[in-house]
N, C-alpha and C. Protein backbone atom coordinates (compact mmCIF):
# COMPACT_ATOMS: atom_id res chain seq x y z
N UNK A 1 0.99 -1.20 0.40
CA UNK A 1 0.19 -0.03 -0.17
C UNK A 1 1.04 1.31 0.09
N UNK A 2 0.54 2.40 -0.65
CA UNK A 2 1.35 3.47 -1.01
C UNK A 2 0.83 4.44 0.50
N UNK A 3 1.86 5.20 0.75
CA UNK A 3 1.62 6.15 1.72
C UNK A 3 1.15 7.36 1.39
N UNK A 4 0.05 8.06 2.08
CA UNK A 4 -0.50 9.30 1.14
C UNK A 4 0.10 10.33 2.45
N UNK A 5 0.63 11.43 1.90
CA UNK A 5 0.97 12.86 2.59
C UNK A 5 0.02 13.15 3.22
N UNK A 6 0.43 13.58 4.31
CA UNK A 6 -0.79 14.16 5.19
C UNK A 6 -1.04 15.80 4.72
N UNK A 7 -0.01 16.21 4.00
CA UNK A 7 -0.32 17.82 3.22
C UNK A 7 -0.39 18.15 1.84
N UNK A 8 -1.02 18.94 1.40
CA UNK A 8 -0.67 19.40 0.19
C UNK A 8 0.33 19.79 -0.59
N UNK A 9 0.76 20.87 0.55
CA UNK A 9 2.12 21.78 0.17
C UNK A 9 3.08 21.19 1.52
N UNK A 10 4.34 21.40 1.05
CA UNK A 10 5.52 21.21 2.45
C UNK A 10 5.08 22.01 3.49
N UNK A 11 5.15 21.73 4.73
CA UNK A 11 4.92 22.50 5.96
C UNK A 11 6.31 23.23 5.90
N UNK A 12 6.03 24.23 6.64
CA UNK A 12 7.35 25.22 6.73
C UNK A 12 8.25 24.65 7.83
N UNK A 13 9.49 24.63 7.45
CA UNK A 13 10.67 23.93 8.52
C UNK A 13 10.84 24.69 9.50
N UNK A 14 10.66 23.77 10.66
CA UNK A 14 10.10 25.09 12.38
C UNK A 14 11.78 25.43 12.54
N UNK A 15 13.16 24.62 11.90
CA UNK A 15 14.25 25.68 12.38
C UNK A 15 15.18 25.30 11.02
N UNK A 16 15.64 26.27 10.59
CA UNK A 16 16.97 26.57 9.61
C UNK A 16 17.97 25.73 10.15
N UNK A 17 18.97 24.81 8.95
CA UNK A 17 20.05 24.64 9.11
C UNK A 17 21.40 25.47 9.18
N UNK A 18 21.90 25.54 10.21
CA UNK A 18 22.78 26.56 10.22
C UNK A 18 23.76 26.89 9.50
N UNK A 19 24.33 25.60 9.11
CA UNK A 19 25.24 25.43 7.63
C UNK A 19 24.83 26.18 6.50
N UNK A 20 23.51 26.04 6.22
CA UNK A 20 22.82 26.63 5.45
C UNK A 20 22.77 27.74 5.38
N UNK A 21 22.26 28.64 6.58
CA UNK A 21 22.25 29.79 6.94
C UNK A 21 23.54 30.46 6.81
N UNK A 22 24.69 29.87 7.05
CA UNK A 22 25.97 30.40 6.86
C UNK A 22 26.53 30.27 4.88
N UNK A 23 26.27 29.44 4.42
CA UNK A 23 26.23 29.56 3.12
C UNK A 23 25.66 30.28 2.32
N UNK A 24 24.26 30.67 2.82
CA UNK A 24 23.65 31.76 2.35
C UNK A 24 24.31 32.99 2.13
N UNK A 25 24.53 33.08 3.60
CA UNK A 25 25.10 34.60 4.02
C UNK A 25 26.64 34.56 3.00
N UNK A 26 27.24 33.47 2.80
CA UNK A 26 28.31 33.88 1.95
C UNK A 26 27.97 34.07 0.87
N UNK A 27 27.23 33.62 0.08
CA UNK A 27 26.52 33.80 -1.79
C UNK A 27 26.12 35.23 -1.47
N UNK A 28 25.51 35.77 -0.71
CA UNK A 28 24.65 37.14 -0.66
C UNK A 28 26.38 38.32 -0.29
N UNK A 29 26.87 37.87 0.31
CA UNK A 29 27.79 38.51 0.69
C UNK A 29 28.74 39.03 -0.78
N UNK A 30 29.44 37.17 -1.68
CA UNK A 30 30.01 37.34 -2.59
C UNK A 30 28.84 38.20 -3.98
N UNK A 31 27.64 38.14 -3.76
CA UNK A 31 27.06 38.60 -4.88
C UNK A 31 26.63 40.06 -4.62
N UNK A 32 26.61 40.60 -3.72
CA UNK A 32 26.52 41.98 -3.42
C UNK A 32 27.42 42.93 -3.49
N UNK A 33 29.08 41.76 -3.60
CA UNK A 33 30.39 42.52 -3.78
C UNK A 33 30.29 42.62 -5.34
N UNK A 34 29.47 42.37 -6.02
CA UNK A 34 29.78 42.25 -7.55
C UNK A 34 28.57 43.27 -8.26
N UNK A 35 27.60 43.66 -6.96
CA UNK A 35 26.55 44.58 -7.07
C UNK A 35 25.68 43.72 -8.03
N UNK A 36 25.52 42.69 -7.71
CA UNK A 36 24.53 41.51 -8.81
C UNK A 36 23.31 41.76 -8.21
N UNK A 37 22.20 41.92 -8.80
CA UNK A 37 20.64 41.06 -7.98
C UNK A 37 20.76 39.85 -7.95
N UNK A 38 20.32 39.34 -7.19
CA UNK A 38 19.67 37.65 -7.16
C UNK A 38 19.33 37.16 -8.56
N UNK A 39 18.53 38.01 -9.52
CA UNK A 39 18.12 37.60 -10.91
C UNK A 39 19.58 37.63 -11.56
N UNK A 40 20.29 38.18 -11.48
CA UNK A 40 21.46 38.40 -12.47
C UNK A 40 22.57 37.16 -11.96
N UNK A 41 22.20 37.04 -10.75
CA UNK A 41 23.18 35.68 -10.28
C UNK A 41 22.57 34.13 -10.83
N UNK A 42 21.10 34.48 -10.49
CA UNK A 42 20.36 32.93 -11.43
C UNK A 42 20.70 32.92 -12.56
N UNK A 43 20.65 33.86 -13.64
CA UNK A 43 21.02 33.81 -14.75
C UNK A 43 22.40 33.24 -15.16
N UNK A 44 23.39 33.88 -14.60
CA UNK A 44 24.45 33.21 -14.50
C UNK A 44 24.89 32.17 -13.92
N UNK A 45 24.44 31.35 -13.28
CA UNK A 45 24.22 30.26 -12.64
C UNK A 45 23.36 29.32 -13.44
N UNK A 46 22.49 29.88 -14.26
CA UNK A 46 21.70 28.80 -14.88
C UNK A 46 20.39 27.98 -14.03
N UNK A 47 19.90 28.91 -12.83
CA UNK A 47 18.87 28.67 -11.86
C UNK A 47 18.11 29.82 -11.72
N UNK A 48 17.11 29.06 -11.16
CA UNK A 48 16.13 30.38 -11.15
C UNK A 48 16.46 31.26 -9.71
N UNK A 49 15.73 32.51 -10.13
CA UNK A 49 16.18 33.55 -8.72
C UNK A 49 15.26 32.75 -7.56
N UNK A 50 14.25 32.37 -7.49
CA UNK A 50 13.87 31.62 -6.39
C UNK A 50 14.46 30.92 -5.82
N UNK A 51 15.57 30.08 -6.36
CA UNK A 51 16.96 28.97 -5.79
C UNK A 51 17.57 29.89 -5.07
N UNK A 52 17.95 31.05 -6.01
CA UNK A 52 19.16 31.66 -5.15
C UNK A 52 18.27 32.62 -3.67
N UNK A 53 17.37 33.07 -4.08
CA UNK A 53 16.89 33.40 -2.74
C UNK A 53 16.32 32.44 -1.59
N UNK A 54 16.49 31.13 -1.78
CA UNK A 54 15.77 30.22 -0.61
C UNK A 54 17.48 29.67 -0.11
N UNK A 55 18.36 29.95 -1.03
CA UNK A 55 20.01 29.58 -0.46
C UNK A 55 20.26 30.55 0.41
N UNK A 56 19.96 32.22 -0.31
CA UNK A 56 20.48 33.06 0.65
C UNK A 56 20.10 33.12 2.24
N UNK A 57 18.86 32.93 2.13
CA UNK A 57 18.43 32.93 3.52
C UNK A 57 18.27 31.61 4.34
N UNK A 58 18.76 30.75 3.70
CA UNK A 58 19.24 29.40 4.46
C UNK A 58 18.11 28.65 4.29
N UNK A 59 16.83 28.48 3.42
CA UNK A 59 15.56 28.15 3.69
C UNK A 59 15.71 26.61 3.34
N UNK A 60 16.76 26.35 2.43
CA UNK A 60 16.72 24.97 2.03
C UNK A 60 18.53 24.42 2.00
N UNK A 61 18.84 23.43 2.08
CA UNK A 61 19.87 22.93 2.23
C UNK A 61 20.37 22.73 0.21
N UNK A 62 21.62 23.47 -0.11
CA UNK A 62 21.40 23.29 -1.37
C UNK A 62 22.21 21.82 -1.81
N UNK A 63 21.79 21.32 -2.84
CA UNK A 63 22.70 20.15 -3.69
C UNK A 63 24.42 20.43 -4.04
N UNK A 64 25.06 19.71 -3.79
CA UNK A 64 26.52 19.87 -3.97
C UNK A 64 26.17 20.61 -5.63
N UNK A 65 25.48 19.98 -6.51
CA UNK A 65 25.35 20.58 -7.97
C UNK A 65 24.95 22.29 -8.15
N UNK A 66 24.26 22.59 -6.87
CA UNK A 66 24.48 24.20 -6.84
C UNK A 66 25.24 24.50 -6.34
N UNK A 67 25.73 24.46 -5.45
CA UNK A 67 26.90 25.14 -4.74
C UNK A 67 27.66 25.09 -5.96
N UNK A 68 28.09 24.17 -6.91
CA UNK A 68 28.94 24.50 -7.54
C UNK A 68 28.68 25.44 -8.95
N UNK A 69 27.46 25.58 -9.14
CA UNK A 69 26.76 26.42 -10.31
C UNK A 69 26.99 28.02 -9.76
N UNK A 70 26.71 27.97 -8.56
CA UNK A 70 26.69 29.00 -8.02
C UNK A 70 28.37 29.94 -7.70
N UNK A 71 28.88 28.68 -7.43
CA UNK A 71 30.63 29.08 -6.98
C UNK A 71 30.94 29.85 -8.14
N UNK A 72 30.59 28.74 -9.39
CA UNK A 72 31.35 29.06 -11.13
C UNK A 72 30.62 30.57 -11.68
N UNK A 73 29.52 30.92 -10.96
CA UNK A 73 28.52 32.26 -11.30
C UNK A 73 29.83 33.52 -10.83
N UNK A 74 29.95 32.92 -9.84
CA UNK A 74 30.42 34.04 -8.66
C UNK A 74 32.08 34.20 -8.98
N UNK A 75 32.45 33.23 -9.55
CA UNK A 75 33.83 33.14 -10.45
C UNK A 75 34.59 33.14 -8.72
N UNK A 76 34.29 32.13 -8.39
CA UNK A 76 34.93 31.79 -6.99
C UNK A 76 35.31 30.39 -6.70
N UNK A 77 36.10 29.72 -6.13
CA UNK A 77 36.28 28.37 -5.19
C UNK A 77 35.28 28.28 -4.74
N UNK A 78 34.31 26.90 -4.87
CA UNK A 78 33.32 26.47 -4.08
C UNK A 78 33.70 26.31 -2.41
N UNK A 79 34.98 26.13 -2.28
CA UNK A 79 35.26 26.35 -0.66
C UNK A 79 35.42 27.64 -0.02
N UNK A 80 35.42 28.89 -0.89
CA UNK A 80 35.03 30.13 -0.55
C UNK A 80 34.03 30.07 0.47
N UNK A 81 33.01 29.42 -0.31
CA UNK A 81 31.08 30.05 -0.32
C UNK A 81 31.10 28.87 1.05
N UNK A 82 32.14 27.77 1.19
CA UNK A 82 31.84 26.74 2.52
C UNK A 82 33.01 26.58 3.54
N UNK A 83 33.96 27.31 3.64
CA UNK A 83 35.07 27.01 4.39
C UNK A 83 34.80 27.34 5.29
N UNK A 84 34.22 28.80 5.83
CA UNK A 84 34.40 29.00 7.01
C UNK A 84 32.94 28.17 7.74
N UNK A 85 32.39 27.57 7.44
CA UNK A 85 31.51 26.81 8.52
C UNK A 85 32.07 25.58 9.26
N UNK A 86 31.57 26.29 10.24
CA UNK A 86 31.84 25.41 11.24
C UNK A 86 31.18 24.16 11.70
N UNK A 87 31.48 22.78 11.40
CA UNK A 87 30.11 22.05 12.05
C UNK A 87 30.84 21.50 13.67
C-alpha cells in the first residue's frame, strides 16, 4: 500500500540548518560585492531566482550541483562559500 502525504504543500521548516544559513550569507556577500541582483546571479548560474533567494535565506540545504553552479557564476572556488562553516 502506498503512503499518503498529510499535507498538500510542504510544511514550513521549524528550524533552519545553521550550515545552510552560513552558506547563504556567503553567497549574498559575494553577490553584493559584485553589485549583482539575485536575478543576475540566477541567470549566470542557470537556476531560478527563487532558488538563489532560498539559498541566501538558508531556507534549503543546497545540493552540491547548486553549490558548484553558484560558485562558478560568482567566479570563486566552491570552498570560498563553505570554508568558514564549522560543524
